[in-house]
Amino acid sequence: MEKEKMDNKLNIELPEDVAEGIYSNLAVIAHSHAEFVIDFIKILPGVPKGKVKARIILTPEHAKRLLKALGENIQRYEEQFGKIKDIAPQGPGIPINFGGPAQA
């Protein structure tokens, strides 16, 4: 049984440049029948153009697991630090078709 546990162990490497992280204050999500695409964008005040800093492509199943994990972590965060305010972003709205197909 102990050998099975060792065989199932996942070894994950975190390169130094990735460990630094990337700041994003906007995420735009698009999807097709086969995948979800999440663009993480940084928008600066007074700058009319944002820049995509990272793009993550997920299967629908993995996107759903991410949603669940994020929800669980937000719940734990709010239990420890208090409720997160849900405020609308300031400034002009982001076009609905930004980075993906137009939606009705």
N, C-alpha and C. Protein backbone atom coordinates (compact mmCIF):
# COMPACT_ATOMS: atom_id res chain seq x y z
N MET A 1 0.82 -1.20 0.00
CA MET A 1 0.00 0.00 0.00
C MET A 1 0.86 1.26 0.00
N GLU A 2 1.96 1.25 0.75
CA GLU A 2 2.83 2.42 0.81
C GLU A 2 3.42 2.73 -0.56
N LYS A 3 3.75 1.70 -1.34
CA LYS A 3 4.30 1.91 -2.68
C LYS A 3 3.27 2.60 -3.58
N GLU A 4 1.98 2.27 -3.45
CA GLU A 4 0.94 2.92 -4.24
C GLU A 4 0.87 4.41 -3.94
N LYS A 5 0.99 4.78 -2.68
CA LYS A 5 0.97 6.19 -2.30
C LYS A 5 2.16 6.91 -2.93
N MET A 6 3.32 6.28 -2.93
CA MET A 6 4.51 6.89 -3.51
C MET A 6 4.37 7.03 -5.02
N ASP A 7 3.76 6.04 -5.68
CA ASP A 7 3.59 6.09 -7.12
C ASP A 7 2.61 7.19 -7.54
N ASN A 8 1.65 7.54 -6.68
CA ASN A 8 0.65 8.55 -7.00
C ASN A 8 1.09 9.96 -6.63
N LYS A 9 2.28 10.13 -6.07
CA LYS A 9 2.76 11.44 -5.65
C LYS A 9 3.08 12.28 -6.88
N LEU A 10 2.62 13.53 -6.87
CA LEU A 10 2.85 14.45 -7.97
C LEU A 10 3.95 15.42 -7.58
N ASN A 11 4.97 15.49 -8.39
CA ASN A 11 6.09 16.39 -8.15
C ASN A 11 5.92 17.59 -9.07
N ILE A 12 5.74 18.79 -8.49
CA ILE A 12 5.51 20.00 -9.27
C ILE A 12 6.69 20.94 -9.09
N GLU A 13 7.23 21.40 -10.21
CA GLU A 13 8.34 22.36 -10.18
C GLU A 13 7.79 23.76 -10.41
N LEU A 14 8.24 24.73 -9.62
CA LEU A 14 7.84 26.12 -9.76
C LEU A 14 9.07 26.94 -10.11
N PRO A 15 9.26 27.24 -11.41
CA PRO A 15 10.42 28.04 -11.81
C PRO A 15 10.40 29.42 -11.16
N GLU A 16 11.57 29.97 -10.93
CA GLU A 16 11.69 31.24 -10.23
C GLU A 16 10.93 32.36 -10.92
N ASP A 17 11.01 32.45 -12.26
CA ASP A 17 10.32 33.53 -12.97
C ASP A 17 8.80 33.41 -12.86
N VAL A 18 8.28 32.20 -12.78
CA VAL A 18 6.85 31.99 -12.63
C VAL A 18 6.43 32.25 -11.18
N ALA A 19 7.28 31.93 -10.23
CA ALA A 19 6.97 32.11 -8.81
C ALA A 19 6.76 33.59 -8.46
N GLU A 20 7.36 34.49 -9.23
CA GLU A 20 7.18 35.92 -8.99
C GLU A 20 5.74 36.35 -9.21
N GLY A 21 5.02 35.65 -10.06
CA GLY A 21 3.63 35.98 -10.33
C GLY A 21 3.48 37.11 -11.33
N ILE A 22 2.24 37.30 -11.78
CA ILE A 22 1.90 38.36 -12.72
C ILE A 22 0.67 39.06 -12.16
N TYR A 23 0.71 40.39 -12.08
CA TYR A 23 -0.44 41.15 -11.58
C TYR A 23 -1.48 41.29 -12.68
N SER A 24 -2.74 41.07 -12.31
CA SER A 24 -3.86 41.23 -13.23
C SER A 24 -5.02 41.83 -12.46
N ASN A 25 -5.69 42.83 -13.07
CA ASN A 25 -6.87 43.41 -12.43
C ASN A 25 -8.11 43.25 -13.31
N LEU A 26 -8.01 42.38 -14.31
CA LEU A 26 -9.16 42.07 -15.17
C LEU A 26 -8.95 40.68 -15.77
N ALA A 27 -10.00 39.91 -15.80
CA ALA A 27 -9.96 38.62 -16.49
C ALA A 27 -11.11 38.58 -17.48
N VAL A 28 -10.82 38.15 -18.69
CA VAL A 28 -11.83 38.00 -19.73
C VAL A 28 -11.89 36.52 -20.09
N ILE A 29 -13.10 35.98 -20.10
CA ILE A 29 -13.27 34.55 -20.33
C ILE A 29 -14.09 34.32 -21.58
N ALA A 30 -13.61 33.43 -22.44
CA ALA A 30 -14.34 32.99 -23.63
C ALA A 30 -14.33 31.47 -23.63
N HIS A 31 -15.23 30.88 -24.38
CA HIS A 31 -15.26 29.41 -24.43
C HIS A 31 -15.79 28.91 -25.77
N SER A 32 -15.42 27.70 -26.07
CA SER A 32 -15.97 26.95 -27.20
C SER A 32 -16.50 25.65 -26.64
N HIS A 33 -16.92 24.74 -27.49
CA HIS A 33 -17.41 23.45 -26.99
C HIS A 33 -16.29 22.63 -26.35
N ALA A 34 -15.03 22.93 -26.68
CA ALA A 34 -13.92 22.09 -26.23
C ALA A 34 -13.03 22.71 -25.17
N GLU A 35 -13.10 24.05 -25.00
CA GLU A 35 -12.16 24.67 -24.08
C GLU A 35 -12.66 26.02 -23.55
N PHE A 36 -12.11 26.41 -22.40
CA PHE A 36 -12.30 27.73 -21.84
C PHE A 36 -10.97 28.46 -21.96
N VAL A 37 -11.02 29.74 -22.34
CA VAL A 37 -9.82 30.56 -22.45
C VAL A 37 -9.98 31.72 -21.49
N ILE A 38 -9.02 31.86 -20.57
CA ILE A 38 -9.04 32.97 -19.62
C ILE A 38 -7.83 33.85 -19.89
N ASP A 39 -8.10 35.10 -20.27
CA ASP A 39 -7.03 36.09 -20.46
C ASP A 39 -6.96 36.95 -19.20
N PHE A 40 -5.78 37.01 -18.61
CA PHE A 40 -5.53 37.86 -17.45
C PHE A 40 -4.86 39.13 -17.95
N ILE A 41 -5.49 40.27 -17.66
CA ILE A 41 -5.11 41.55 -18.24
C ILE A 41 -4.74 42.53 -17.14
N LYS A 42 -3.79 43.41 -17.45
CA LYS A 42 -3.46 44.50 -16.54
C LYS A 42 -3.85 45.80 -17.23
N ILE A 43 -4.72 46.56 -16.55
CA ILE A 43 -5.15 47.87 -17.04
C ILE A 43 -4.68 48.90 -16.03
N LEU A 44 -4.05 49.96 -16.53
CA LEU A 44 -3.55 51.02 -15.66
C LEU A 44 -4.41 52.27 -15.81
N PRO A 45 -4.62 53.00 -14.73
CA PRO A 45 -5.41 54.23 -14.81
C PRO A 45 -4.80 55.21 -15.81
N GLY A 46 -5.65 55.83 -16.64
CA GLY A 46 -5.18 56.82 -17.60
C GLY A 46 -4.55 56.24 -18.85
N VAL A 47 -4.44 54.92 -18.93
CA VAL A 47 -3.87 54.27 -20.11
C VAL A 47 -5.01 53.60 -20.86
N PRO A 48 -5.27 54.03 -22.10
CA PRO A 48 -6.45 53.51 -22.80
C PRO A 48 -6.33 52.07 -23.30
N LYS A 49 -5.15 51.49 -23.20
CA LYS A 49 -4.94 50.15 -23.73
C LYS A 49 -4.43 49.22 -22.64
N GLY A 50 -5.15 48.11 -22.41
CA GLY A 50 -4.69 47.10 -21.47
C GLY A 50 -3.82 46.09 -22.19
N LYS A 51 -3.12 45.29 -21.41
CA LYS A 51 -2.23 44.28 -22.00
C LYS A 51 -2.53 42.92 -21.38
N VAL A 52 -2.73 41.91 -22.24
CA VAL A 52 -2.90 40.55 -21.74
C VAL A 52 -1.55 40.09 -21.20
N LYS A 53 -1.54 39.73 -19.91
CA LYS A 53 -0.31 39.31 -19.26
C LYS A 53 -0.15 37.80 -19.25
N ALA A 54 -1.28 37.08 -19.32
CA ALA A 54 -1.22 35.61 -19.35
C ALA A 54 -2.53 35.09 -19.94
N ARG A 55 -2.45 33.98 -20.63
CA ARG A 55 -3.63 33.29 -21.17
C ARG A 55 -3.57 31.85 -20.70
N ILE A 56 -4.67 31.39 -20.10
CA ILE A 56 -4.77 30.01 -19.63
C ILE A 56 -5.89 29.34 -20.42
N ILE A 57 -5.61 28.17 -20.95
CA ILE A 57 -6.60 27.41 -21.72
C ILE A 57 -6.90 26.13 -20.95
N LEU A 58 -8.20 25.90 -20.68
CA LEU A 58 -8.63 24.77 -19.85
C LEU A 58 -9.69 23.96 -20.57
N THR A 59 -9.74 22.66 -20.24
CA THR A 59 -10.87 21.86 -20.68
C THR A 59 -12.10 22.27 -19.86
N PRO A 60 -13.31 22.04 -20.35
CA PRO A 60 -14.50 22.37 -19.55
C PRO A 60 -14.49 21.70 -18.18
N GLU A 61 -14.04 20.47 -18.12
CA GLU A 61 -14.00 19.75 -16.83
C GLU A 61 -13.03 20.42 -15.86
N HIS A 62 -11.87 20.82 -16.36
CA HIS A 62 -10.90 21.46 -15.50
C HIS A 62 -11.38 22.86 -15.08
N ALA A 63 -12.07 23.57 -15.99
CA ALA A 63 -12.62 24.88 -15.64
C ALA A 63 -13.62 24.75 -14.50
N LYS A 64 -14.43 23.69 -14.52
CA LYS A 64 -15.41 23.49 -13.46
C LYS A 64 -14.71 23.16 -12.14
N ARG A 65 -13.63 22.37 -12.18
CA ARG A 65 -12.86 22.07 -10.97
C ARG A 65 -12.21 23.35 -10.42
N LEU A 66 -11.74 24.21 -11.32
CA LEU A 66 -11.15 25.49 -10.91
C LEU A 66 -12.20 26.37 -10.23
N LEU A 67 -13.40 26.43 -10.80
CA LEU A 67 -14.49 27.20 -10.20
C LEU A 67 -14.78 26.72 -8.79
N LYS A 68 -14.86 25.41 -8.60
CA LYS A 68 -15.13 24.84 -7.28
C LYS A 68 -14.00 25.17 -6.30
N ALA A 69 -12.76 24.99 -6.73
CA ALA A 69 -11.62 25.26 -5.86
C ALA A 69 -11.54 26.74 -5.49
N LEU A 70 -11.81 27.61 -6.45
CA LEU A 70 -11.78 29.04 -6.17
C LEU A 70 -12.88 29.42 -5.19
N GLY A 71 -14.08 28.85 -5.37
CA GLY A 71 -15.18 29.11 -4.45
C GLY A 71 -14.85 28.67 -3.03
N GLU A 72 -14.24 27.50 -2.89
CA GLU A 72 -13.86 27.00 -1.56
C GLU A 72 -12.81 27.91 -0.92
N ASN A 73 -11.86 28.39 -1.71
CA ASN A 73 -10.82 29.27 -1.17
C ASN A 73 -11.37 30.65 -0.81
N ILE A 74 -12.31 31.16 -1.59
CA ILE A 74 -12.94 32.44 -1.25
C ILE A 74 -13.71 32.30 0.06
N GLN A 75 -14.41 31.19 0.23
CA GLN A 75 -15.15 30.95 1.48
C GLN A 75 -14.20 30.94 2.67
N ARG A 76 -13.08 30.23 2.56
CA ARG A 76 -12.11 30.19 3.66
C ARG A 76 -11.51 31.57 3.92
N TYR A 77 -11.22 32.31 2.85
CA TYR A 77 -10.68 33.66 3.00
C TYR A 77 -11.66 34.54 3.78
N GLU A 78 -12.94 34.51 3.38
CA GLU A 78 -13.94 35.35 4.04
C GLU A 78 -14.17 34.94 5.49
N GLU A 79 -14.04 33.67 5.79
CA GLU A 79 -14.15 33.22 7.18
C GLU A 79 -13.01 33.78 8.02
N GLN A 80 -11.84 33.91 7.43
CA GLN A 80 -10.67 34.40 8.16
C GLN A 80 -10.58 35.93 8.17
N PHE A 81 -10.89 36.59 7.04
CA PHE A 81 -10.64 38.03 6.92
C PHE A 81 -11.90 38.88 6.76
N GLY A 82 -13.06 38.27 6.61
CA GLY A 82 -14.29 39.02 6.41
C GLY A 82 -14.72 39.01 4.96
N LYS A 83 -15.96 39.42 4.75
CA LYS A 83 -16.56 39.37 3.42
C LYS A 83 -15.84 40.28 2.44
N ILE A 84 -15.64 39.79 1.23
CA ILE A 84 -15.03 40.57 0.16
C ILE A 84 -16.12 41.42 -0.47
N LYS A 85 -15.85 42.73 -0.61
CA LYS A 85 -16.83 43.63 -1.24
C LYS A 85 -16.91 43.31 -2.73
N ASP A 86 -18.12 43.26 -3.25
CA ASP A 86 -18.35 43.02 -4.67
C ASP A 86 -18.70 44.35 -5.32
N ILE A 87 -17.67 45.03 -5.86
CA ILE A 87 -17.89 46.36 -6.43
C ILE A 87 -17.71 46.31 -7.94
N ALA A 88 -18.45 47.14 -8.63
CA ALA A 88 -18.34 47.23 -10.09
C ALA A 88 -17.08 48.02 -10.43
N PRO A 89 -16.40 47.65 -11.52
CA PRO A 89 -15.21 48.40 -11.92
C PRO A 89 -15.56 49.82 -12.33
N GLN A 90 -14.63 50.76 -12.15
CA GLN A 90 -14.82 52.15 -12.54
C GLN A 90 -14.37 52.34 -13.98
N GLY A 91 -14.88 53.36 -14.63
CA GLY A 91 -14.44 53.69 -15.98
C GLY A 91 -15.29 53.02 -17.02
N PRO A 92 -14.85 53.12 -18.28
CA PRO A 92 -15.64 52.57 -19.38
C PRO A 92 -15.73 51.05 -19.27
N GLY A 93 -16.85 50.52 -19.71
CA GLY A 93 -17.05 49.07 -19.67
C GLY A 93 -16.17 48.36 -20.69
N ILE A 94 -15.94 47.11 -20.45
CA ILE A 94 -15.16 46.28 -21.36
C ILE A 94 -16.12 45.70 -22.39
N PRO A 95 -15.81 45.77 -23.68
CA PRO A 95 -16.71 45.19 -24.68
C PRO A 95 -16.95 43.71 -24.43
N ILE A 96 -18.16 43.27 -24.64
CA ILE A 96 -18.51 41.88 -24.39
C ILE A 96 -17.71 40.94 -25.29
N ASN A 97 -17.37 41.37 -26.49
CA ASN A 97 -16.65 40.48 -27.40
C ASN A 97 -15.14 40.64 -27.31
N PHE A 98 -14.64 41.28 -26.28
CA PHE A 98 -13.21 41.46 -26.12
C PHE A 98 -12.51 40.11 -26.01
N GLY A 99 -11.66 39.81 -26.98
CA GLY A 99 -10.87 38.59 -26.94
C GLY A 99 -11.63 37.32 -27.28
N GLY A 100 -12.85 37.44 -27.74
CA GLY A 100 -13.63 36.24 -28.06
C GLY A 100 -14.78 36.57 -28.97
N PRO A 101 -15.62 35.59 -29.23
CA PRO A 101 -16.75 35.81 -30.14
C PRO A 101 -17.76 36.75 -29.51
N ALA A 102 -18.43 37.54 -30.36
CA ALA A 102 -19.46 38.47 -29.88
C ALA A 102 -20.62 37.68 -29.33
N GLN A 103 -21.25 38.22 -28.27
CA GLN A 103 -22.39 37.58 -27.65
C GLN A 103 -23.60 38.49 -27.78
N ALA A 104 -24.77 37.89 -27.90
CA ALA A 104 -25.99 38.67 -28.03
C ALA A 104 -26.49 39.13 -26.69
